[in-house]
Amino acid sequence: MTDGNEEMVGDGFRINVLGRSGLTYTRGSRTATIDGEMLVGSFDFVVYTGSIRDWDGSAGPITDEEKKQILADIEAAFRSSGLAVDFE
């Protein structure tokens, strides 16, 4: 992982890692900005799950089912890129 933006694309979604902190998750026309940060050690990136609450703009709240899908997508994208992700 570098200090610049990194994009990962999966089945129906896109993740953009925003430098050393945070990421955006896009599925269809909705995007969520999620807090996180690059790490040194056992994991390459940590995602703060408590920040997954609302879709950006006026797209409304993220449901529990959507949150589970988002977390699964993030984990799969990082794993397929050879990166380890942790969730807090």
N, C-alpha and C. Protein backbone atom coordinates (compact mmCIF):
# COMPACT_ATOMS: atom_id res chain seq x y z
N MET A 1 0.84 -1.18 0.00
CA MET A 1 0.00 0.00 0.00
C MET A 1 0.88 1.24 0.00
N THR A 2 0.48 2.24 -0.71
CA THR A 2 1.26 3.47 -0.79
C THR A 2 0.53 4.58 -0.06
N ASP A 3 1.10 5.76 -0.06
CA ASP A 3 0.45 6.91 0.56
C ASP A 3 -0.63 7.52 -0.33
N GLY A 4 -0.69 7.12 -1.59
CA GLY A 4 -1.68 7.67 -2.51
C GLY A 4 -2.98 6.89 -2.45
N ASN A 5 -3.94 7.29 -3.28
CA ASN A 5 -5.21 6.58 -3.33
C ASN A 5 -5.02 5.23 -4.00
N GLU A 6 -5.61 4.21 -3.43
CA GLU A 6 -5.59 2.86 -3.98
C GLU A 6 -7.03 2.47 -4.27
N GLU A 7 -7.28 1.92 -5.45
CA GLU A 7 -8.63 1.49 -5.79
C GLU A 7 -8.67 -0.02 -5.91
N MET A 8 -9.70 -0.62 -5.31
CA MET A 8 -9.95 -2.05 -5.41
C MET A 8 -11.36 -2.23 -5.93
N VAL A 9 -11.50 -3.10 -6.92
CA VAL A 9 -12.81 -3.33 -7.52
C VAL A 9 -13.21 -4.77 -7.30
N GLY A 10 -14.47 -4.97 -6.89
CA GLY A 10 -14.99 -6.31 -6.69
C GLY A 10 -16.27 -6.49 -7.46
N ASP A 11 -16.99 -7.52 -7.15
CA ASP A 11 -18.24 -7.86 -7.83
C ASP A 11 -19.34 -6.88 -7.43
N GLY A 12 -19.49 -5.82 -8.20
CA GLY A 12 -20.55 -4.85 -7.96
C GLY A 12 -20.20 -3.72 -7.01
N PHE A 13 -18.95 -3.63 -6.57
CA PHE A 13 -18.55 -2.57 -5.65
C PHE A 13 -17.16 -2.08 -5.99
N ARG A 14 -16.83 -0.90 -5.43
CA ARG A 14 -15.51 -0.29 -5.60
C ARG A 14 -15.09 0.30 -4.26
N ILE A 15 -13.82 0.10 -3.92
CA ILE A 15 -13.25 0.66 -2.70
C ILE A 15 -12.09 1.55 -3.09
N ASN A 16 -12.07 2.76 -2.56
CA ASN A 16 -10.94 3.67 -2.74
C ASN A 16 -10.34 3.95 -1.37
N VAL A 17 -9.10 3.53 -1.18
CA VAL A 17 -8.39 3.83 0.06
C VAL A 17 -7.87 5.25 -0.07
N LEU A 18 -8.20 6.09 0.89
CA LEU A 18 -7.89 7.52 0.84
C LEU A 18 -6.58 7.80 1.57
N GLY A 19 -5.48 7.57 0.88
CA GLY A 19 -4.19 7.82 1.50
C GLY A 19 -3.98 6.93 2.71
N ARG A 20 -3.57 7.52 3.83
CA ARG A 20 -3.30 6.74 5.02
C ARG A 20 -4.49 6.62 5.96
N SER A 21 -5.59 7.27 5.64
CA SER A 21 -6.73 7.18 6.55
C SER A 21 -8.04 7.17 5.78
N GLY A 22 -8.85 6.19 6.09
CA GLY A 22 -10.19 6.11 5.56
C GLY A 22 -10.29 5.49 4.18
N LEU A 23 -11.52 5.25 3.78
CA LEU A 23 -11.80 4.70 2.47
C LEU A 23 -13.21 5.07 2.08
N THR A 24 -13.48 4.97 0.80
CA THR A 24 -14.85 5.09 0.33
C THR A 24 -15.25 3.75 -0.25
N TYR A 25 -16.50 3.39 -0.01
CA TYR A 25 -17.08 2.15 -0.51
C TYR A 25 -18.25 2.56 -1.39
N THR A 26 -18.26 2.10 -2.63
CA THR A 26 -19.32 2.45 -3.57
C THR A 26 -19.96 1.18 -4.09
N ARG A 27 -21.28 1.14 -4.02
CA ARG A 27 -22.08 0.06 -4.61
C ARG A 27 -23.22 0.74 -5.34
N GLY A 28 -23.28 0.51 -6.64
CA GLY A 28 -24.30 1.18 -7.45
C GLY A 28 -24.09 2.68 -7.42
N SER A 29 -25.14 3.41 -7.09
CA SER A 29 -25.05 4.87 -7.06
C SER A 29 -24.79 5.42 -5.66
N ARG A 30 -24.59 4.52 -4.68
CA ARG A 30 -24.39 4.97 -3.29
C ARG A 30 -22.95 4.78 -2.85
N THR A 31 -22.48 5.76 -2.10
CA THR A 31 -21.12 5.74 -1.57
C THR A 31 -21.16 6.00 -0.07
N ALA A 32 -20.31 5.30 0.66
CA ALA A 32 -20.14 5.54 2.10
C ALA A 32 -18.68 5.85 2.36
N THR A 33 -18.42 6.88 3.15
CA THR A 33 -17.07 7.20 3.60
C THR A 33 -16.88 6.54 4.95
N ILE A 34 -15.82 5.74 5.08
CA ILE A 34 -15.59 4.90 6.25
C ILE A 34 -14.24 5.25 6.84
N ASP A 35 -14.21 5.42 8.16
CA ASP A 35 -12.95 5.72 8.84
C ASP A 35 -12.07 4.48 8.93
N GLY A 36 -10.77 4.69 8.81
CA GLY A 36 -9.79 3.62 8.92
C GLY A 36 -8.41 4.22 8.82
N GLU A 37 -7.39 3.36 8.95
CA GLU A 37 -6.03 3.85 8.82
C GLU A 37 -5.07 2.74 8.48
N MET A 38 -4.00 3.12 7.79
CA MET A 38 -2.93 2.18 7.48
C MET A 38 -2.17 1.88 8.76
N LEU A 39 -1.70 0.65 8.87
CA LEU A 39 -0.98 0.21 10.05
C LEU A 39 0.38 -0.36 9.67
N VAL A 40 1.23 -0.50 10.66
CA VAL A 40 2.49 -1.20 10.53
C VAL A 40 2.44 -2.33 11.53
N GLY A 41 2.61 -3.54 11.08
CA GLY A 41 2.55 -4.68 11.98
C GLY A 41 1.76 -5.81 11.37
N SER A 42 0.93 -6.45 12.17
CA SER A 42 0.20 -7.64 11.73
C SER A 42 -0.82 -7.35 10.63
N PHE A 43 -1.37 -6.15 10.63
CA PHE A 43 -2.39 -5.78 9.65
C PHE A 43 -1.91 -4.59 8.83
N ASP A 44 -2.40 -4.53 7.59
CA ASP A 44 -2.05 -3.42 6.71
C ASP A 44 -3.00 -2.24 6.87
N PHE A 45 -4.25 -2.53 7.26
CA PHE A 45 -5.26 -1.49 7.36
C PHE A 45 -6.28 -1.89 8.42
N VAL A 46 -6.76 -0.92 9.18
CA VAL A 46 -7.84 -1.17 10.14
C VAL A 46 -9.04 -0.34 9.71
N VAL A 47 -10.23 -0.95 9.77
CA VAL A 47 -11.48 -0.29 9.44
C VAL A 47 -12.25 -0.10 10.74
N TYR A 48 -12.69 1.12 11.01
CA TYR A 48 -13.47 1.42 12.21
C TYR A 48 -14.95 1.22 11.88
N THR A 49 -15.48 0.07 12.29
CA THR A 49 -16.83 -0.34 11.90
C THR A 49 -17.91 0.60 12.43
N GLY A 50 -17.65 1.28 13.52
CA GLY A 50 -18.62 2.22 14.07
C GLY A 50 -18.89 3.41 13.16
N SER A 51 -18.00 3.63 12.20
CA SER A 51 -18.19 4.76 11.28
C SER A 51 -19.08 4.40 10.10
N ILE A 52 -19.49 3.14 10.02
CA ILE A 52 -20.35 2.69 8.92
C ILE A 52 -21.81 2.89 9.36
N ARG A 53 -22.33 4.10 9.11
CA ARG A 53 -23.68 4.45 9.60
C ARG A 53 -24.61 4.92 8.49
N ASP A 54 -24.11 5.80 7.63
CA ASP A 54 -24.96 6.42 6.62
C ASP A 54 -24.27 6.43 5.26
N TRP A 55 -25.10 6.33 4.23
CA TRP A 55 -24.60 6.56 2.87
C TRP A 55 -24.35 8.05 2.72
N ASP A 56 -23.34 8.43 1.97
CA ASP A 56 -23.02 9.83 1.74
C ASP A 56 -24.19 10.54 1.05
N GLY A 57 -24.27 11.84 1.24
CA GLY A 57 -25.35 12.62 0.63
C GLY A 57 -26.67 12.32 1.33
N SER A 58 -27.71 12.21 0.59
CA SER A 58 -29.03 11.97 1.18
C SER A 58 -29.53 10.57 0.89
N ALA A 59 -28.61 9.61 0.75
CA ALA A 59 -29.00 8.23 0.41
C ALA A 59 -29.51 7.44 1.61
N GLY A 60 -29.45 8.03 2.81
CA GLY A 60 -30.05 7.40 3.98
C GLY A 60 -29.10 6.53 4.79
N PRO A 61 -29.65 5.92 5.85
CA PRO A 61 -28.83 5.09 6.74
C PRO A 61 -28.46 3.75 6.09
N ILE A 62 -27.38 3.18 6.57
CA ILE A 62 -26.94 1.86 6.14
C ILE A 62 -27.59 0.84 7.06
N THR A 63 -28.29 -0.13 6.48
CA THR A 63 -28.95 -1.16 7.27
C THR A 63 -27.92 -2.15 7.81
N ASP A 64 -28.31 -2.95 8.79
CA ASP A 64 -27.42 -3.98 9.33
C ASP A 64 -27.00 -4.96 8.24
N GLU A 65 -27.92 -5.34 7.37
CA GLU A 65 -27.61 -6.26 6.28
C GLU A 65 -26.60 -5.64 5.32
N GLU A 66 -26.80 -4.36 4.99
CA GLU A 66 -25.85 -3.67 4.12
C GLU A 66 -24.48 -3.57 4.77
N LYS A 67 -24.44 -3.31 6.08
CA LYS A 67 -23.17 -3.21 6.79
C LYS A 67 -22.42 -4.53 6.73
N LYS A 68 -23.12 -5.64 6.92
CA LYS A 68 -22.48 -6.96 6.83
C LYS A 68 -21.90 -7.18 5.44
N GLN A 69 -22.63 -6.77 4.40
CA GLN A 69 -22.15 -6.91 3.03
C GLN A 69 -20.93 -6.02 2.79
N ILE A 70 -20.97 -4.80 3.29
CA ILE A 70 -19.85 -3.88 3.15
C ILE A 70 -18.59 -4.47 3.79
N LEU A 71 -18.72 -4.99 5.01
CA LEU A 71 -17.57 -5.57 5.70
C LEU A 71 -17.02 -6.78 4.96
N ALA A 72 -17.92 -7.63 4.45
CA ALA A 72 -17.48 -8.80 3.68
C ALA A 72 -16.77 -8.37 2.41
N ASP A 73 -17.30 -7.36 1.73
CA ASP A 73 -16.68 -6.86 0.51
C ASP A 73 -15.30 -6.27 0.79
N ILE A 74 -15.19 -5.49 1.85
CA ILE A 74 -13.90 -4.90 2.20
C ILE A 74 -12.88 -5.99 2.49
N GLU A 75 -13.28 -6.98 3.28
CA GLU A 75 -12.36 -8.07 3.62
C GLU A 75 -11.91 -8.81 2.36
N ALA A 76 -12.85 -9.13 1.48
CA ALA A 76 -12.51 -9.85 0.24
C ALA A 76 -11.59 -9.02 -0.65
N ALA A 77 -11.85 -7.72 -0.77
CA ALA A 77 -11.04 -6.86 -1.63
C ALA A 77 -9.61 -6.75 -1.11
N PHE A 78 -9.47 -6.56 0.19
CA PHE A 78 -8.12 -6.46 0.76
C PHE A 78 -7.39 -7.79 0.61
N ARG A 79 -8.07 -8.89 0.91
CA ARG A 79 -7.46 -10.21 0.82
C ARG A 79 -6.99 -10.50 -0.61
N SER A 80 -7.84 -10.18 -1.60
CA SER A 80 -7.47 -10.44 -2.99
C SER A 80 -6.33 -9.54 -3.46
N SER A 81 -6.10 -8.44 -2.74
CA SER A 81 -4.97 -7.56 -3.05
C SER A 81 -3.72 -7.93 -2.26
N GLY A 82 -3.82 -9.01 -1.47
CA GLY A 82 -2.67 -9.45 -0.68
C GLY A 82 -2.45 -8.64 0.58
N LEU A 83 -3.50 -7.96 1.04
CA LEU A 83 -3.39 -7.11 2.22
C LEU A 83 -4.23 -7.67 3.36
N ALA A 84 -3.75 -7.49 4.58
CA ALA A 84 -4.48 -7.93 5.77
C ALA A 84 -5.26 -6.75 6.35
N VAL A 85 -6.53 -6.98 6.64
CA VAL A 85 -7.39 -5.93 7.20
C VAL A 85 -7.93 -6.38 8.54
N ASP A 86 -8.07 -5.44 9.45
CA ASP A 86 -8.64 -5.70 10.77
C ASP A 86 -9.86 -4.80 10.92
N PHE A 87 -10.81 -5.23 11.74
CA PHE A 87 -12.02 -4.46 11.98
C PHE A 87 -12.14 -4.16 13.47
N GLU A 88 -12.32 -2.90 13.81
CA GLU A 88 -12.51 -2.48 15.21
C GLU A 88 -13.78 -1.71 15.34
